[in-house]
N, C-alpha and C. Protein backbone atom coordinates (compact mmCIF):
# COMPACT_ATOMS: atom_id res chain seq x y z
N MET A 1 -20.52 8.38 23.93
CA MET A 1 -19.13 7.98 23.84
C MET A 1 -18.20 9.16 23.55
N PRO A 2 -18.54 10.06 22.63
CA PRO A 2 -17.64 11.19 22.38
C PRO A 2 -17.43 12.08 23.62
N LYS A 3 -18.46 12.18 24.46
CA LYS A 3 -18.28 12.97 25.68
C LYS A 3 -17.25 12.34 26.59
N ALA A 4 -17.28 11.03 26.69
CA ALA A 4 -16.31 10.33 27.53
C ALA A 4 -14.89 10.51 27.00
N LEU A 5 -14.73 10.48 25.68
CA LEU A 5 -13.41 10.68 25.10
C LEU A 5 -12.90 12.09 25.36
N CYS A 6 -13.79 13.07 25.30
CA CYS A 6 -13.41 14.44 25.60
C CYS A 6 -12.97 14.58 27.05
N LEU A 7 -13.68 13.94 27.96
CA LEU A 7 -13.33 14.03 29.37
C LEU A 7 -12.02 13.30 29.66
N ILE A 8 -11.81 12.16 29.01
CA ILE A 8 -10.56 11.42 29.19
C ILE A 8 -9.38 12.26 28.69
N SER A 9 -9.56 12.89 27.55
CA SER A 9 -8.52 13.76 27.00
C SER A 9 -8.27 14.95 27.92
N LEU A 10 -9.31 15.49 28.49
CA LEU A 10 -9.18 16.61 29.41
C LEU A 10 -8.39 16.21 30.65
N VAL A 11 -8.72 15.08 31.23
CA VAL A 11 -8.02 14.61 32.43
C VAL A 11 -6.56 14.28 32.11
N ALA A 12 -6.31 13.63 30.99
CA ALA A 12 -4.94 13.27 30.62
C ALA A 12 -4.09 14.52 30.39
N SER A 13 -4.65 15.51 29.75
CA SER A 13 -3.88 16.73 29.50
C SER A 13 -3.65 17.52 30.79
N ILE A 14 -4.58 17.48 31.72
CA ILE A 14 -4.37 18.13 33.01
C ILE A 14 -3.23 17.45 33.75
N LEU A 15 -3.19 16.12 33.69
CA LEU A 15 -2.09 15.39 34.34
C LEU A 15 -0.74 15.72 33.71
N VAL A 16 -0.71 15.85 32.40
CA VAL A 16 0.54 16.21 31.71
C VAL A 16 1.01 17.59 32.15
N VAL A 17 0.08 18.54 32.20
CA VAL A 17 0.44 19.90 32.60
C VAL A 17 0.95 19.92 34.04
N VAL A 18 0.27 19.22 34.94
CA VAL A 18 0.70 19.19 36.34
C VAL A 18 2.08 18.54 36.47
N LEU A 19 2.30 17.45 35.77
CA LEU A 19 3.58 16.76 35.84
C LEU A 19 4.73 17.65 35.39
N PHE A 20 4.59 18.26 34.22
CA PHE A 20 5.67 19.07 33.69
C PHE A 20 5.80 20.41 34.41
N LEU A 21 4.70 20.93 34.94
CA LEU A 21 4.78 22.15 35.74
C LEU A 21 5.53 21.88 37.05
N ALA A 22 5.26 20.75 37.66
CA ALA A 22 5.99 20.38 38.88
C ALA A 22 7.47 20.16 38.59
N ASP A 23 7.76 19.52 37.48
CA ASP A 23 9.15 19.27 37.10
C ASP A 23 9.88 20.59 36.87
N MET A 24 9.24 21.51 36.18
CA MET A 24 9.88 22.79 35.90
C MET A 24 10.05 23.62 37.18
N ALA A 25 9.03 23.64 38.02
CA ALA A 25 9.11 24.42 39.25
C ALA A 25 10.20 23.88 40.17
N MET A 26 10.25 22.57 40.33
CA MET A 26 11.27 21.99 41.21
C MET A 26 12.67 22.17 40.62
N GLY A 27 12.76 22.14 39.31
CA GLY A 27 14.06 22.36 38.68
C GLY A 27 14.55 23.78 38.87
N LEU A 28 13.64 24.74 38.76
CA LEU A 28 14.02 26.14 38.93
C LEU A 28 14.29 26.50 40.39
N LEU A 29 13.68 25.76 41.30
CA LEU A 29 13.89 26.03 42.72
C LEU A 29 15.10 25.29 43.29
N GLY A 30 15.80 24.54 42.44
CA GLY A 30 17.00 23.86 42.89
C GLY A 30 16.77 22.50 43.51
N MET A 31 15.61 21.93 43.31
CA MET A 31 15.31 20.61 43.88
C MET A 31 15.27 19.56 42.77
N GLN A 32 16.36 19.46 42.00
CA GLN A 32 16.39 18.52 40.88
C GLN A 32 16.24 17.07 41.31
N ASP A 33 16.67 16.74 42.49
CA ASP A 33 16.57 15.36 42.97
C ASP A 33 15.13 14.95 43.23
N LEU A 34 14.27 15.91 43.56
CA LEU A 34 12.86 15.62 43.85
C LEU A 34 11.96 15.78 42.64
N ALA A 35 12.47 16.38 41.57
CA ALA A 35 11.66 16.62 40.38
C ALA A 35 11.24 15.29 39.75
N PRO A 36 9.99 15.20 39.26
CA PRO A 36 9.51 13.93 38.69
C PRO A 36 10.35 13.42 37.53
N LEU A 37 10.83 14.31 36.68
CA LEU A 37 11.64 13.89 35.52
C LEU A 37 13.08 14.35 35.66
N ARG A 38 13.51 14.63 36.87
CA ARG A 38 14.87 15.07 37.20
C ARG A 38 15.24 16.36 36.48
N SER A 39 14.24 17.17 36.12
CA SER A 39 14.44 18.48 35.50
C SER A 39 15.43 18.40 34.34
N ALA A 40 15.16 17.54 33.39
CA ALA A 40 16.07 17.29 32.27
C ALA A 40 16.24 18.54 31.40
N SER A 41 15.13 19.19 31.05
CA SER A 41 15.21 20.35 30.16
C SER A 41 14.04 21.29 30.46
N THR A 42 14.36 22.54 30.72
CA THR A 42 13.33 23.53 30.99
C THR A 42 12.53 23.83 29.72
N LEU A 43 13.20 23.83 28.58
CA LEU A 43 12.51 24.08 27.32
C LEU A 43 11.50 22.97 27.03
N MET A 44 11.89 21.72 27.28
CA MET A 44 10.97 20.60 27.10
C MET A 44 9.76 20.73 28.02
N ASP A 45 10.01 21.11 29.27
CA ASP A 45 8.91 21.32 30.21
C ASP A 45 7.96 22.39 29.71
N LEU A 46 8.50 23.48 29.23
CA LEU A 46 7.68 24.58 28.74
C LEU A 46 6.85 24.18 27.52
N VAL A 47 7.46 23.45 26.60
CA VAL A 47 6.74 23.01 25.40
C VAL A 47 5.60 22.06 25.76
N PHE A 48 5.84 21.13 26.67
CA PHE A 48 4.79 20.21 27.07
C PHE A 48 3.69 20.90 27.85
N ILE A 49 4.03 21.91 28.64
CA ILE A 49 3.00 22.67 29.36
C ILE A 49 2.11 23.42 28.37
N VAL A 50 2.71 24.07 27.39
CA VAL A 50 1.92 24.80 26.38
C VAL A 50 1.06 23.85 25.58
N ALA A 51 1.62 22.71 25.17
CA ALA A 51 0.84 21.73 24.41
C ALA A 51 -0.31 21.17 25.25
N GLY A 52 -0.06 20.93 26.52
CA GLY A 52 -1.12 20.44 27.41
C GLY A 52 -2.23 21.45 27.58
N VAL A 53 -1.88 22.72 27.72
CA VAL A 53 -2.90 23.77 27.87
C VAL A 53 -3.73 23.89 26.58
N VAL A 54 -3.08 23.79 25.43
CA VAL A 54 -3.81 23.83 24.16
C VAL A 54 -4.78 22.65 24.08
N LEU A 55 -4.34 21.47 24.49
CA LEU A 55 -5.20 20.29 24.47
C LEU A 55 -6.36 20.43 25.47
N ILE A 56 -6.10 21.05 26.62
CA ILE A 56 -7.17 21.29 27.58
C ILE A 56 -8.24 22.18 26.98
N VAL A 57 -7.81 23.26 26.34
CA VAL A 57 -8.77 24.19 25.73
C VAL A 57 -9.56 23.50 24.62
N MET A 58 -8.88 22.75 23.77
CA MET A 58 -9.57 22.07 22.67
C MET A 58 -10.55 21.02 23.20
N SER A 59 -10.17 20.29 24.23
CA SER A 59 -11.06 19.28 24.81
C SER A 59 -12.29 19.93 25.43
N TRP A 60 -12.09 21.03 26.14
CA TRP A 60 -13.20 21.71 26.79
C TRP A 60 -14.17 22.29 25.76
N ILE A 61 -13.64 22.89 24.71
CA ILE A 61 -14.51 23.46 23.67
C ILE A 61 -15.30 22.34 22.98
N THR A 62 -14.66 21.24 22.68
CA THR A 62 -15.35 20.11 22.04
C THR A 62 -16.40 19.52 22.95
N TYR A 63 -16.09 19.41 24.24
CA TYR A 63 -17.06 18.87 25.20
C TYR A 63 -18.29 19.77 25.28
N ARG A 64 -18.07 21.07 25.31
CA ARG A 64 -19.20 22.01 25.39
C ARG A 64 -20.07 21.98 24.14
N GLU A 65 -19.48 21.70 22.97
CA GLU A 65 -20.25 21.64 21.73
C GLU A 65 -21.16 20.44 21.68
N GLN A 66 -20.86 19.39 22.43
CA GLN A 66 -21.62 18.15 22.36
C GLN A 66 -22.79 18.11 23.32
N ARG A 67 -23.03 19.14 24.05
CA ARG A 67 -24.16 19.14 24.99
C ARG A 67 -25.46 19.17 24.29
C-alpha cells in the first residue's frame, strides 16, 4: 500500500508541474486565452512548479526506500 501512495503522489505532482508549466509558458508567450488557468500570476505558477518538483523528488526517494 505505501508504494501505491508514493506512485499516486508522484503522478499527481507531475500533473501539477505540467499544468502550471503550461500555464506559465503560454502566459509568457502571449497566449493568455489558451492558458489553462488564464495565466493569472507568474509568481503563483513558479511557486507551484517548485513545490511540485520538491514533491516529485520526495515521492521518488520514498518509493526507492521501500523496495
